[in-house]
Structures are given as structure tokens and as C-alpha cells.
Amino acid sequence: MASQNSPLNLLMVFFISTSHFIRSHCADDATHRYDSIFSFGDSLADTGNLLRIQSGGSSAIARLPYGETYFGRPTGRFSDGRLVIDFIADAFGLPYLPPYVSSSSNEDFRKGANFAVGGVTALDDGYFEQRGLGGMIVTNCSLNAQLRWFDELKPSLCKGTQECRDYFGRSLFLLGEIGGNDYNVPLMSGLSVDAVRGYVPDVVRTISSAAERLIEIGAVEMVVPGIIPLGCAPVYMTRYSSTDKKDYEPETGCLKGLNDLTKHHDTLLQDALGKLRNKYPHVKIIFADYYGASIRFYQSPRQFGFNDPLKACCGGHGPYNVNGSVFCGSPDSILCSDPSEYVNWDGIHLTEAAYHTIADGLIKGPYSTPPLMSPQLSQTHRGSCPHSIIIYDSGDSSSAKDILPTRWELSSWEVRYQTSLSASGTVGL
């Protein structure tokens, strides 16, 4: 047995002390990595823009039970509480993003802004008008319109090319979730799933072009989510109800064709993001796997505290608590007693409980690579944090190797911090 003052014991004390310092330093670095967050997207990310565009009252989201779980009042979020973007802001110690269409002329956007609008598409309105679907578009705030809003805001955030590059270099950009409505519009208009697959390349091209525009402005860290499983939405489970078991996934009970459409979108989007990474190697472009993070709810609902994952908490009658005449927030709607036991909130959107679990999968992994809290994301801009420690001991290291993980090699009295930024192969996707 080694004596109390043996080199090995001293080594272990040094290692533990150093490791504690490293963990504390890196946790602080990760929490305070970003000075601001800018978000674009649709109703899965909207924190109040559509509510202000529609001037409040007439919209269902302007009334309880929307917002009841966390805020105790409607805020313009399409849920009972917080969204993924709210949990991401929390994780980095930033305030919830104010909607760009602000009710206050003195709104401070220096810590970020939310341009997402409920009901919007990535593609411009004209794309759908040319196909006879213009009447299904809720607003004219497509992804390009949101980028124009960002251009309008930019002069109030920074002046000059270098100052703006420095400012946006300390910002996180979330480009989505967006794209789901580009498929909802034609699907709700009666087009077949096969016909709607033809829209996917144009939708993905638009999202990729928007990402490139933000990179040219100065974005260096960006999250681009895929879309949640369309085939698991109660509104589609109701609309496409079938007696043919082959139409459903046996492991989830969701509609197979619509989930295949979702996965096709995500595959093309990841291909497009790969091309952007090759073109802009200095930019961290993270694909956020919303599909993977949420499909778990339908495969193993009890594991996450959910009961019937295919049924809406708030809505009309029917097997999925959804119908075409009674909507969440209307006087005749049926509200569940505990939204935390439900995945779906109103037939399309998810509950705070579901969004919280999705956000955890992005922040901590494994549904974004690297995880958002990974120190690897910000080493270029905020200094490096170690990802592993290699310890060297000039003496016999056999006893130490029995205690320390095998990848730590003891061959001299030195401690080397290894960030492995390029060697690990874990930066990017």
C-alpha cells in the first residue's frame, strides 16, 4: 500500500484539485459563453410576435390556457408554458428573448431578439400563391422577411464591420425550428404526402440560404434544427386516420408516411449544412435533431412521465382530443388536468414538459453535436477549456494505471491540458 505522502497519493491530490478547478472554470465559461441570442422560426419558437401582429384579443393564443403552466398568463407562445428557445436562454444565463414586434419602443435587444412568427413558412408567400395555396398563409413573415427585420435591427446593435463581427461572434443564432408549415400548408389543402415531398428541396434550399446570409453578416455559432415528427401530431392522426395497420409505425403508433416526410426533410437539411461547413470551416453549424429528441416520447412515453403521447392536452373531442371545429382556448375546448403528462398541447404544438426534454437533449446532448453546453463550441472565441487531462509520472506507473482511467498515461511529473479541438473529430457534425 502506498504511504500517505507517496508520489502516487500526491499525484491523486493534485489531479483531484486540478480537475475541480477545470470543471468550475469550464462550467462558468459554458454558462456565460454568449452575450446574445437571435432566433428565427415559426410557432415552435415564437415568443409573442404573432400576438402583436394580430393585435392581441382575437387570437386563441391571447387567452388562457395558453401560458398557464409557467407564466400564468398568455404571452403569445403556442404552448402551456416555455419553449425550447426559453430553456436555451436559461442555460446560458440570458433573459428570455423579447419578440422583435415589441409592445415597447424602448425594448432592449442587445442581449438578443426573437424574429420567429407563428404560422410562417420558410418559403416566401409567392411560392404558395403560384400553386394556388396563398389563402392558407397566415402572415407574410417568411424567413426572408425575418432576415429583413434582423437587418433593420442591426444598426442599433453595432457600428461598422469589425464591431459587428466582434458582437455577432459572441452571439448564438437559432435558425428554426422552421419548415414544418411549408408542409402543413399543402397537406391541409389536400395534397398527398408524395406530392408534398416535392417541396422539400426548395424548403431546405431556403433555410440553407438564410444560414449563409447570417454567416456573411458575422454569425460564427449557429443552431439549425430539423422538424418534429409530423406523423405524431394529433391533428394529422385525426385527419389521416386509417384502418390499415401498415399506415402506422408499430414502435410509435405514428403515421409512417408523414414521419418519412419529416426524415426526408432532415436528411436533405443535414446534407445542405454539410456543404456550408465545408465552405465556411470557421463557423460552427450545429444540426439540432428535433425529430430524434422527440420521437422518444412516442416510443417510450412512461420513461419521460407521459401518458398518452398521441392525444392533445387541450382541444376538441375525438380519440386524439382534436377536431376541426373546437380549438384550444375556445369555450367548448377540453383541457387536461396536468399538461406535464402530455407531449402535445393543442394538436400541433407541444407542451412545456416536452419542450423542456427536447431542450435538455440539445443542451447536454446527444441531439446536437457537439452539445450546446460543450466548451468546444466557443474555444475559438472565449479561450480553451480542457476536455481531458494526461498525467505523466517519471516513476513506475503500473499502480496508478489501476486507479486512473486507462487513457491517462503516467510517465513524468507534468500535467498537460488536451483540448483536442481538431484531433478529437467531435467539433461540428
Protein backbone atom coordinates (compact mmCIF):
# COMPACT_ATOMS: atom_id res chain seq x y z
CA MET A 1 0.00 0.00 0.00
CA ALA A 2 1.32 3.46 -0.82
CA SER A 3 2.32 5.69 2.11
CA GLN A 4 0.33 8.83 2.90
CA ASN A 5 2.97 11.03 1.29
CA SER A 6 3.81 8.75 -1.62
CA PRO A 7 4.17 10.27 -5.08
CA LEU A 8 1.03 8.47 -6.15
CA ASN A 9 -1.10 9.99 -3.38
CA LEU A 10 0.34 13.43 -4.03
CA LEU A 11 -0.41 12.93 -7.69
CA MET A 12 -4.02 12.00 -6.93
CA VAL A 13 -4.50 15.06 -4.68
CA PHE A 14 -3.06 17.28 -7.39
CA PHE A 15 -5.24 15.64 -10.02
CA ILE A 16 -8.45 16.00 -7.98
CA SER A 17 -7.72 19.64 -7.13
CA THR A 18 -6.86 20.46 -10.71
CA SER A 19 -9.91 18.65 -12.02
CA HIS A 20 -12.17 20.62 -9.67
CA PHE A 21 -10.68 23.89 -10.91
CA ILE A 22 -11.09 22.81 -14.50
CA ARG A 23 -14.72 21.76 -14.08
CA SER A 24 -15.57 25.01 -12.29
CA HIS A 25 -13.80 27.13 -14.88
CA CYS A 26 -15.40 25.33 -17.80
CA ALA A 27 -18.89 25.35 -16.31
CA ASP A 28 -18.63 29.10 -15.83
CA ASP A 29 -17.26 29.52 -19.36
CA ALA A 30 -20.08 27.46 -20.85
CA THR A 31 -22.81 29.29 -18.92
CA HIS A 32 -21.56 32.73 -19.92
CA ARG A 33 -20.39 31.88 -23.42
CA TYR A 34 -22.85 34.07 -25.35
CA ASP A 35 -23.70 37.72 -24.92
CA SER A 36 -26.85 37.44 -27.02
CA ILE A 37 -29.13 35.04 -28.89
CA PHE A 38 -31.03 35.70 -32.11
CA SER A 39 -33.87 33.37 -33.03
CA PHE A 40 -35.77 32.86 -36.27
CA GLY A 41 -38.59 30.44 -36.99
CA ASP A 42 -42.27 29.62 -36.66
CA SER A 43 -44.70 28.91 -33.82
CA LEU A 44 -42.36 26.45 -32.13
CA ALA A 45 -40.06 29.41 -31.41
CA ASP A 46 -42.44 32.42 -31.40
CA THR A 47 -42.41 34.21 -28.03
CA GLY A 48 -45.04 36.81 -28.94
CA ASN A 49 -44.58 38.24 -32.43
CA LEU A 50 -47.79 36.87 -33.98
CA LEU A 51 -49.79 38.00 -30.96
CA ARG A 52 -48.58 41.56 -31.50
CA ILE A 53 -49.02 41.41 -35.27
CA GLN A 54 -52.64 40.36 -34.78
CA SER A 55 -53.10 42.97 -32.05
CA GLY A 56 -53.95 40.50 -29.33
CA GLY A 57 -57.51 39.64 -28.32
CA SER A 58 -58.96 37.78 -31.30
CA SER A 59 -56.29 35.07 -31.32
CA ALA A 60 -56.66 31.88 -29.26
CA ILE A 61 -53.08 32.27 -28.03
CA ALA A 62 -54.14 35.55 -26.41
CA ARG A 63 -56.29 33.62 -23.95
CA LEU A 64 -55.76 31.05 -21.25
CA PRO A 65 -54.99 28.18 -21.04
CA TYR A 66 -52.08 29.27 -23.29
CA GLY A 67 -49.23 30.23 -20.98
CA GLU A 68 -50.88 28.86 -17.84
CA THR A 69 -48.14 26.49 -16.66
CA TYR A 70 -45.18 28.81 -16.19
CA PHE A 71 -46.19 32.40 -16.89
CA GLY A 72 -49.73 32.18 -15.51
CA ARG A 73 -50.94 34.23 -18.46
CA PRO A 74 -50.85 34.11 -22.26
CA THR A 75 -47.60 35.50 -23.69
CA GLY A 76 -48.01 34.65 -27.37
CA ARG A 77 -46.27 31.30 -27.01
CA PHE A 78 -48.08 28.39 -28.65
CA SER A 79 -47.89 26.22 -25.56
CA ASP A 80 -48.90 25.98 -21.93
CA GLY A 81 -45.52 27.38 -20.94
CA ARG A 82 -41.95 27.76 -22.12
CA LEU A 83 -40.43 26.76 -25.44
CA VAL A 84 -37.07 25.27 -26.43
CA ILE A 85 -35.66 28.76 -27.02
CA ASP A 86 -36.57 29.77 -23.46
CA PHE A 87 -34.71 26.83 -21.95
CA ILE A 88 -31.67 27.56 -24.13
CA ALA A 89 -31.63 31.19 -22.96
CA ASP A 90 -31.91 29.98 -19.36
CA ALA A 91 -29.00 27.60 -19.83
CA PHE A 92 -26.70 30.44 -20.87
CA GLY A 93 -27.85 32.90 -18.22
CA LEU A 94 -29.61 35.17 -20.69
CA PRO A 95 -33.11 36.67 -20.41
CA TYR A 96 -36.00 35.26 -22.41
CA LEU A 97 -35.81 36.73 -25.88
CA PRO A 98 -38.15 39.66 -26.46
CA PRO A 99 -40.24 39.44 -29.63
CA TYR A 100 -38.98 41.82 -32.30
CA VAL A 101 -42.52 43.12 -32.81
CA SER A 102 -42.31 44.65 -29.37
CA SER A 103 -45.05 46.37 -27.42
CA SER A 104 -42.43 48.79 -26.10
CA SER A 105 -40.50 51.32 -28.14
CA ASN A 106 -37.70 51.15 -25.55
CA GLU A 107 -37.16 47.39 -25.81
CA ASP A 108 -33.51 46.46 -25.32
CA PHE A 109 -32.38 43.91 -27.92
CA ARG A 110 -28.67 43.94 -27.07
CA LYS A 111 -28.95 40.53 -25.39
CA GLY A 112 -30.94 39.12 -28.27
CA ALA A 113 -34.19 39.21 -30.17
CA ASN A 114 -36.76 36.74 -31.41
CA PHE A 115 -37.95 37.12 -35.00
CA ALA A 116 -39.95 33.87 -35.11
CA VAL A 117 -43.63 34.19 -36.03
CA GLY A 118 -46.32 31.57 -35.60
CA GLY A 119 -47.73 30.11 -38.79
CA VAL A 120 -44.96 31.26 -41.12
CA THR A 121 -43.17 29.27 -43.78
CA ALA A 122 -39.54 29.23 -44.79
CA LEU A 123 -40.57 29.81 -48.41
CA ASP A 124 -41.99 33.18 -49.43
CA ASP A 125 -45.72 33.64 -49.87
CA GLY A 126 -45.37 33.85 -53.64
CA TYR A 127 -44.23 30.24 -53.80
CA PHE A 128 -47.57 29.09 -52.43
CA GLU A 129 -49.61 31.64 -54.36
CA GLN A 130 -48.20 30.25 -57.61
CA ARG A 131 -49.53 26.85 -56.55
CA GLY A 132 -52.96 28.11 -55.57
CA LEU A 133 -52.24 27.84 -51.84
CA GLY A 134 -51.87 31.52 -50.95
CA GLY A 135 -55.08 31.55 -48.93
CA MET A 136 -53.54 29.17 -46.40
CA ILE A 137 -50.72 31.56 -45.41
CA VAL A 138 -51.29 33.20 -42.03
CA THR A 139 -48.82 36.11 -42.31
CA ASN A 140 -46.25 37.44 -44.76
CA CYS A 141 -43.41 36.99 -42.26
CA SER A 142 -41.48 34.24 -44.05
CA LEU A 143 -37.85 33.51 -43.31
CA ASN A 144 -36.69 36.18 -45.75
CA ALA A 145 -38.94 38.73 -44.04
CA GLN A 146 -37.45 37.81 -40.66
CA LEU A 147 -33.96 38.31 -42.06
CA ARG A 148 -35.03 41.77 -43.22
CA TRP A 149 -36.16 42.54 -39.68
CA PHE A 150 -32.75 41.47 -38.47
CA ASP A 151 -31.13 43.83 -40.99
CA GLU A 152 -33.31 46.64 -39.62
CA LEU A 153 -32.22 45.92 -36.06
CA LYS A 154 -28.53 45.51 -36.80
CA PRO A 155 -27.54 49.24 -36.81
CA SER A 156 -28.80 49.59 -33.23
CA LEU A 157 -26.59 46.70 -32.09
CA CYS A 158 -23.22 47.55 -33.62
CA LYS A 159 -21.49 50.02 -35.93
CA GLY A 160 -19.02 49.11 -38.63
CA THR A 161 -17.83 45.81 -40.00
CA GLN A 162 -15.34 44.90 -37.26
CA GLU A 163 -17.54 45.91 -34.34
CA CYS A 164 -20.41 43.89 -35.79
CA ARG A 165 -18.20 40.86 -36.38
CA ASP A 166 -17.00 41.05 -32.77
CA TYR A 167 -20.54 41.43 -31.46
CA PHE A 168 -22.09 38.66 -33.55
CA GLY A 169 -19.05 36.48 -32.88
CA ARG A 170 -20.26 36.37 -29.27
CA SER A 171 -23.84 35.58 -30.28
CA LEU A 172 -25.74 32.35 -30.83
CA PHE A 173 -28.07 32.16 -33.83
CA LEU A 174 -31.02 29.75 -33.89
CA LEU A 175 -32.39 29.29 -37.38
CA GLY A 176 -35.60 27.47 -36.58
CA GLU A 177 -37.49 25.40 -36.00
CA ILE A 178 -38.86 26.31 -39.41
CA GLY A 179 -40.10 24.32 -42.39
CA GLY A 180 -42.96 22.43 -40.80
CA ASN A 181 -45.56 24.88 -42.09
CA ASP A 182 -44.17 24.58 -45.61
CA TYR A 183 -45.57 21.05 -45.47
CA ASN A 184 -48.61 21.81 -43.31
CA VAL A 185 -49.95 24.27 -45.88
CA PRO A 186 -50.15 21.83 -48.81
CA LEU A 187 -51.10 18.88 -46.60
CA MET A 188 -54.01 20.78 -45.06
CA SER A 189 -55.02 21.84 -48.57
CA GLY A 190 -55.45 18.21 -49.57
CA LEU A 191 -52.20 17.43 -51.38
CA SER A 192 -50.85 13.93 -50.97
CA VAL A 193 -47.76 13.20 -48.92
CA ASP A 194 -45.96 12.11 -52.09
CA ALA A 195 -46.76 15.43 -53.76
CA VAL A 196 -45.54 17.38 -50.74
CA ARG A 197 -42.18 15.57 -50.85
CA GLY A 198 -41.50 17.64 -53.94
CA TYR A 199 -41.45 20.78 -51.79
CA VAL A 200 -38.60 19.57 -49.60
CA PRO A 201 -35.61 20.60 -51.77
CA ASP A 202 -36.96 24.15 -52.09
CA VAL A 203 -37.63 24.43 -48.36
CA VAL A 204 -34.16 23.18 -47.46
CA ARG A 205 -32.53 25.44 -50.04
CA THR A 206 -34.27 28.45 -48.47
CA ILE A 207 -33.13 27.53 -44.95
CA SER A 208 -29.57 26.95 -46.16
CA SER A 209 -29.53 30.31 -47.97
CA ALA A 210 -30.73 32.04 -44.80
CA ALA A 211 -27.93 30.38 -42.82
CA GLU A 212 -25.40 31.62 -45.36
CA ARG A 213 -26.74 35.17 -45.15
CA LEU A 214 -26.27 35.13 -41.39
CA ILE A 215 -22.74 33.79 -41.77
CA GLU A 216 -21.91 36.62 -44.16
CA ILE A 217 -23.17 39.08 -41.56
CA GLY A 218 -20.82 37.60 -38.97
CA ALA A 219 -22.51 34.60 -37.32
CA VAL A 220 -19.93 32.04 -36.18
CA GLU A 221 -22.08 29.78 -33.99
CA MET A 222 -25.42 28.65 -35.33
CA VAL A 223 -28.03 26.03 -34.49
CA VAL A 224 -30.24 24.81 -37.33
CA PRO A 225 -32.99 22.44 -36.13
CA GLY A 226 -34.82 19.85 -38.11
CA ILE A 227 -38.57 19.48 -37.64
CA ILE A 228 -40.60 17.49 -35.12
CA PRO A 229 -42.33 14.29 -36.30
CA LEU A 230 -45.31 15.39 -38.40
CA GLY A 231 -46.78 11.91 -38.27
CA CYS A 232 -47.19 12.04 -34.49
CA ALA A 233 -49.26 15.26 -34.41
CA PRO A 234 -52.83 14.61 -33.19
CA VAL A 235 -54.19 16.86 -35.93
CA TYR A 236 -52.74 14.52 -38.56
CA MET A 237 -53.58 11.39 -36.60
CA THR A 238 -57.18 12.61 -36.83
CA ARG A 239 -57.06 13.78 -40.44
CA TYR A 240 -55.35 10.67 -41.83
CA SER A 241 -57.00 8.10 -39.58
CA SER A 242 -56.75 4.70 -41.26
CA THR A 243 -57.87 1.12 -40.70
CA ASP A 244 -54.75 -0.16 -42.45
CA LYS A 245 -52.10 -1.01 -39.86
CA LYS A 246 -49.40 -0.57 -42.48
CA ASP A 247 -50.04 3.18 -42.38
CA TYR A 248 -48.71 3.34 -38.82
CA GLU A 249 -45.30 2.79 -37.27
CA PRO A 250 -45.52 -0.21 -34.94
CA GLU A 251 -42.98 1.23 -32.49
CA THR A 252 -44.69 4.64 -32.09
CA GLY A 253 -48.24 4.42 -33.41
CA CYS A 254 -47.50 7.50 -35.55
CA LEU A 255 -48.27 7.86 -39.25
CA LYS A 256 -45.42 6.33 -41.23
CA GLY A 257 -45.75 8.40 -44.40
CA LEU A 258 -45.62 11.74 -42.60
CA ASN A 259 -42.69 10.70 -40.43
CA ASP A 260 -40.87 9.56 -43.56
CA LEU A 261 -41.50 13.06 -44.96
CA THR A 262 -40.03 14.56 -41.79
CA LYS A 263 -36.93 12.38 -42.03
CA HIS A 264 -36.53 13.23 -45.72
CA HIS A 265 -36.51 16.93 -44.81
CA ASP A 266 -33.90 16.34 -42.11
CA THR A 267 -31.68 14.28 -44.41
CA LEU A 268 -31.60 16.96 -47.10
CA LEU A 269 -31.10 19.67 -44.49
CA GLN A 270 -28.10 17.89 -42.99
CA ASP A 271 -26.62 17.48 -46.46
CA ALA A 272 -27.02 21.22 -47.07
CA LEU A 273 -25.45 22.09 -43.73
CA GLY A 274 -22.52 19.83 -44.52
CA LYS A 275 -21.84 21.85 -47.66
CA LEU A 276 -21.96 25.06 -45.65
CA ARG A 277 -19.45 23.65 -43.15
CA ASN A 278 -17.07 22.86 -45.98
CA LYS A 279 -17.48 26.35 -47.41
CA TYR A 280 -17.17 28.12 -44.03
CA PRO A 281 -14.89 25.94 -41.86
CA HIS A 282 -14.54 28.68 -39.22
CA VAL A 283 -18.28 28.56 -38.45
CA LYS A 284 -19.80 26.07 -36.00
CA ILE A 285 -23.04 24.91 -37.63
CA ILE A 286 -24.95 22.58 -35.34
CA PHE A 287 -27.83 20.45 -36.56
CA ALA A 288 -30.41 20.12 -33.78
CA ASP A 289 -32.20 16.81 -34.12
CA TYR A 290 -35.72 17.72 -33.02
CA TYR A 291 -37.02 14.51 -34.56
CA GLY A 292 -34.66 12.28 -32.60
CA ALA A 293 -35.18 14.25 -29.40
CA SER A 294 -38.97 13.94 -29.58
CA ILE A 295 -39.61 10.55 -31.22
CA ARG A 296 -38.54 9.03 -27.89
CA PHE A 297 -41.77 10.32 -26.34
CA TYR A 298 -43.80 8.07 -28.60
CA GLN A 299 -41.50 5.07 -28.31
CA SER A 300 -41.22 5.09 -24.50
CA PRO A 301 -43.65 7.68 -23.11
CA ARG A 302 -43.58 6.46 -19.49
CA GLN A 303 -39.83 6.92 -19.38
CA PHE A 304 -40.43 10.67 -19.70
CA GLY A 305 -43.52 10.86 -17.49
CA PHE A 306 -46.04 11.00 -20.33
CA ASN A 307 -49.26 9.02 -20.58
CA ASP A 308 -50.98 9.08 -23.99
CA PRO A 309 -48.39 10.80 -26.23
CA LEU A 310 -50.67 10.98 -29.28
CA LYS A 311 -53.51 12.83 -27.56
CA ALA A 312 -53.66 16.63 -27.25
CA CYS A 313 -53.94 18.12 -23.77
CA CYS A 314 -56.13 20.97 -24.99
CA GLY A 315 -58.60 20.76 -27.87
CA GLY A 316 -61.87 19.28 -29.09
CA HIS A 317 -63.43 15.86 -28.88
CA GLY A 318 -62.39 12.62 -30.52
CA PRO A 319 -59.78 9.94 -29.88
CA TYR A 320 -56.94 12.47 -30.03
CA ASN A 321 -58.84 15.41 -28.48
CA VAL A 322 -58.74 17.20 -31.83
CA ASN A 323 -61.42 18.16 -34.32
CA GLY A 324 -61.92 20.86 -36.91
CA SER A 325 -64.46 22.97 -35.07
CA VAL A 326 -63.25 23.20 -31.46
CA PHE A 327 -59.80 24.63 -30.80
CA CYS A 328 -57.73 25.06 -27.68
CA GLY A 329 -58.76 28.30 -25.99
CA SER A 330 -62.32 28.25 -27.28
CA PRO A 331 -65.19 27.99 -24.75
CA ASP A 332 -66.02 24.40 -25.71
CA SER A 333 -62.46 23.09 -25.65
CA ILE A 334 -61.45 20.24 -23.36
CA LEU A 335 -58.40 20.80 -21.16
CA CYS A 336 -56.41 18.04 -19.47
CA SER A 337 -55.79 18.24 -15.74
CA ASP A 338 -51.98 18.01 -15.94
CA PRO A 339 -50.15 19.21 -19.09
CA SER A 340 -46.87 17.75 -17.79
CA GLU A 341 -48.26 14.28 -18.53
CA TYR A 342 -48.83 15.16 -22.19
CA VAL A 343 -46.48 15.53 -25.14
CA ASN A 344 -48.88 17.51 -27.30
CA TRP A 345 -50.55 20.71 -26.24
CA ASP A 346 -53.13 21.71 -28.87
CA GLY A 347 -52.94 19.21 -31.71
CA ILE A 348 -49.89 20.73 -33.42
CA HIS A 349 -47.64 22.27 -30.76
CA LEU A 350 -46.02 20.59 -27.77
CA THR A 351 -46.25 21.12 -24.03
CA GLU A 352 -43.65 22.83 -21.89
CA ALA A 353 -42.74 19.42 -20.48
CA ALA A 354 -41.96 18.08 -23.95
CA TYR A 355 -40.04 21.21 -24.98
CA HIS A 356 -38.01 21.03 -21.77
CA THR A 357 -36.92 17.47 -22.51
CA ILE A 358 -36.08 18.35 -26.13
CA ALA A 359 -34.04 21.34 -24.94
CA ASP A 360 -32.12 19.16 -22.49
CA GLY A 361 -31.24 16.83 -25.36
CA LEU A 362 -29.79 19.76 -27.28
CA ILE A 363 -28.05 21.50 -24.40
CA LYS A 364 -26.50 18.40 -22.83
CA GLY A 365 -26.60 16.07 -25.84
CA PRO A 366 -26.90 13.78 -27.65
CA TYR A 367 -29.35 15.51 -30.01
CA SER A 368 -26.95 18.23 -31.11
CA THR A 369 -23.31 17.63 -31.95
CA PRO A 370 -21.47 18.97 -30.10
CA PRO A 371 -23.95 19.65 -27.26
CA LEU A 372 -24.72 23.34 -26.84
CA MET A 373 -23.01 23.42 -23.44
CA SER A 374 -19.86 21.81 -24.80
CA PRO A 375 -16.81 24.05 -24.24
CA GLN A 376 -15.68 23.05 -27.73
CA LEU A 377 -18.22 25.41 -29.23
CA SER A 378 -16.53 28.56 -28.00
CA GLN A 379 -12.83 27.80 -27.77
CA THR A 380 -12.05 29.98 -30.77
CA HIS A 381 -13.71 32.99 -29.16
CA ARG A 382 -13.56 32.59 -25.39
CA GLY A 383 -10.40 30.61 -24.65
CA SER A 384 -9.96 26.90 -24.29
CA CYS A 385 -11.21 24.51 -21.65
CA PRO A 386 -9.64 21.08 -21.27
CA HIS A 387 -11.55 18.06 -22.40
CA SER A 388 -9.12 15.56 -20.89
CA ILE A 389 -6.03 15.53 -18.71
CA ILE A 390 -2.94 13.48 -19.41
CA ILE A 391 -0.70 12.96 -16.36
CA TYR A 392 2.95 11.94 -16.56
CA ASP A 393 4.99 10.27 -13.80
CA SER A 394 8.69 9.56 -14.24
CA GLY A 395 8.48 6.51 -11.96
CA ASP A 396 6.69 3.18 -12.23
CA SER A 397 3.12 3.95 -13.25
CA SER A 398 1.58 0.49 -13.01
CA SER A 399 -0.22 1.15 -9.70
CA ALA A 400 -1.54 4.49 -10.87
CA LYS A 401 -2.98 2.99 -14.02
CA ASP A 402 -5.11 0.73 -11.84
CA ILE A 403 -6.74 3.82 -10.30
CA LEU A 404 -6.84 6.36 -13.11
CA PRO A 405 -8.75 5.87 -16.38
CA THR A 406 -6.61 3.96 -18.85
CA ARG A 407 -6.39 6.83 -21.35
CA TRP A 408 -4.46 8.90 -18.79
CA GLU A 409 -0.82 7.84 -19.06
CA LEU A 410 1.66 8.40 -16.19
CA SER A 411 5.25 8.90 -17.29
CA SER A 412 6.54 12.19 -15.82
CA TRP A 413 5.64 14.85 -13.23
CA GLU A 414 3.72 17.09 -15.57
CA VAL A 415 0.10 17.85 -16.28
CA ARG A 416 -0.86 18.63 -19.86
CA TYR A 417 -4.26 20.01 -20.83
CA GLN A 418 -5.53 18.45 -24.03
CA THR A 419 -8.36 20.27 -25.78
CA SER A 420 -8.23 18.00 -28.81
CA LEU A 421 -10.07 20.56 -30.91
CA SER A 422 -9.04 19.07 -34.20
CA ALA A 423 -7.74 15.65 -33.17
CA SER A 424 -10.93 14.52 -31.45
CA GLY A 425 -13.07 14.90 -34.54
CA THR A 426 -16.04 15.96 -32.39
CA VAL A 427 -16.32 19.58 -33.47
CA GLY A 428 -19.09 20.03 -35.98
CA LEU A 429 -21.15 17.23 -37.43
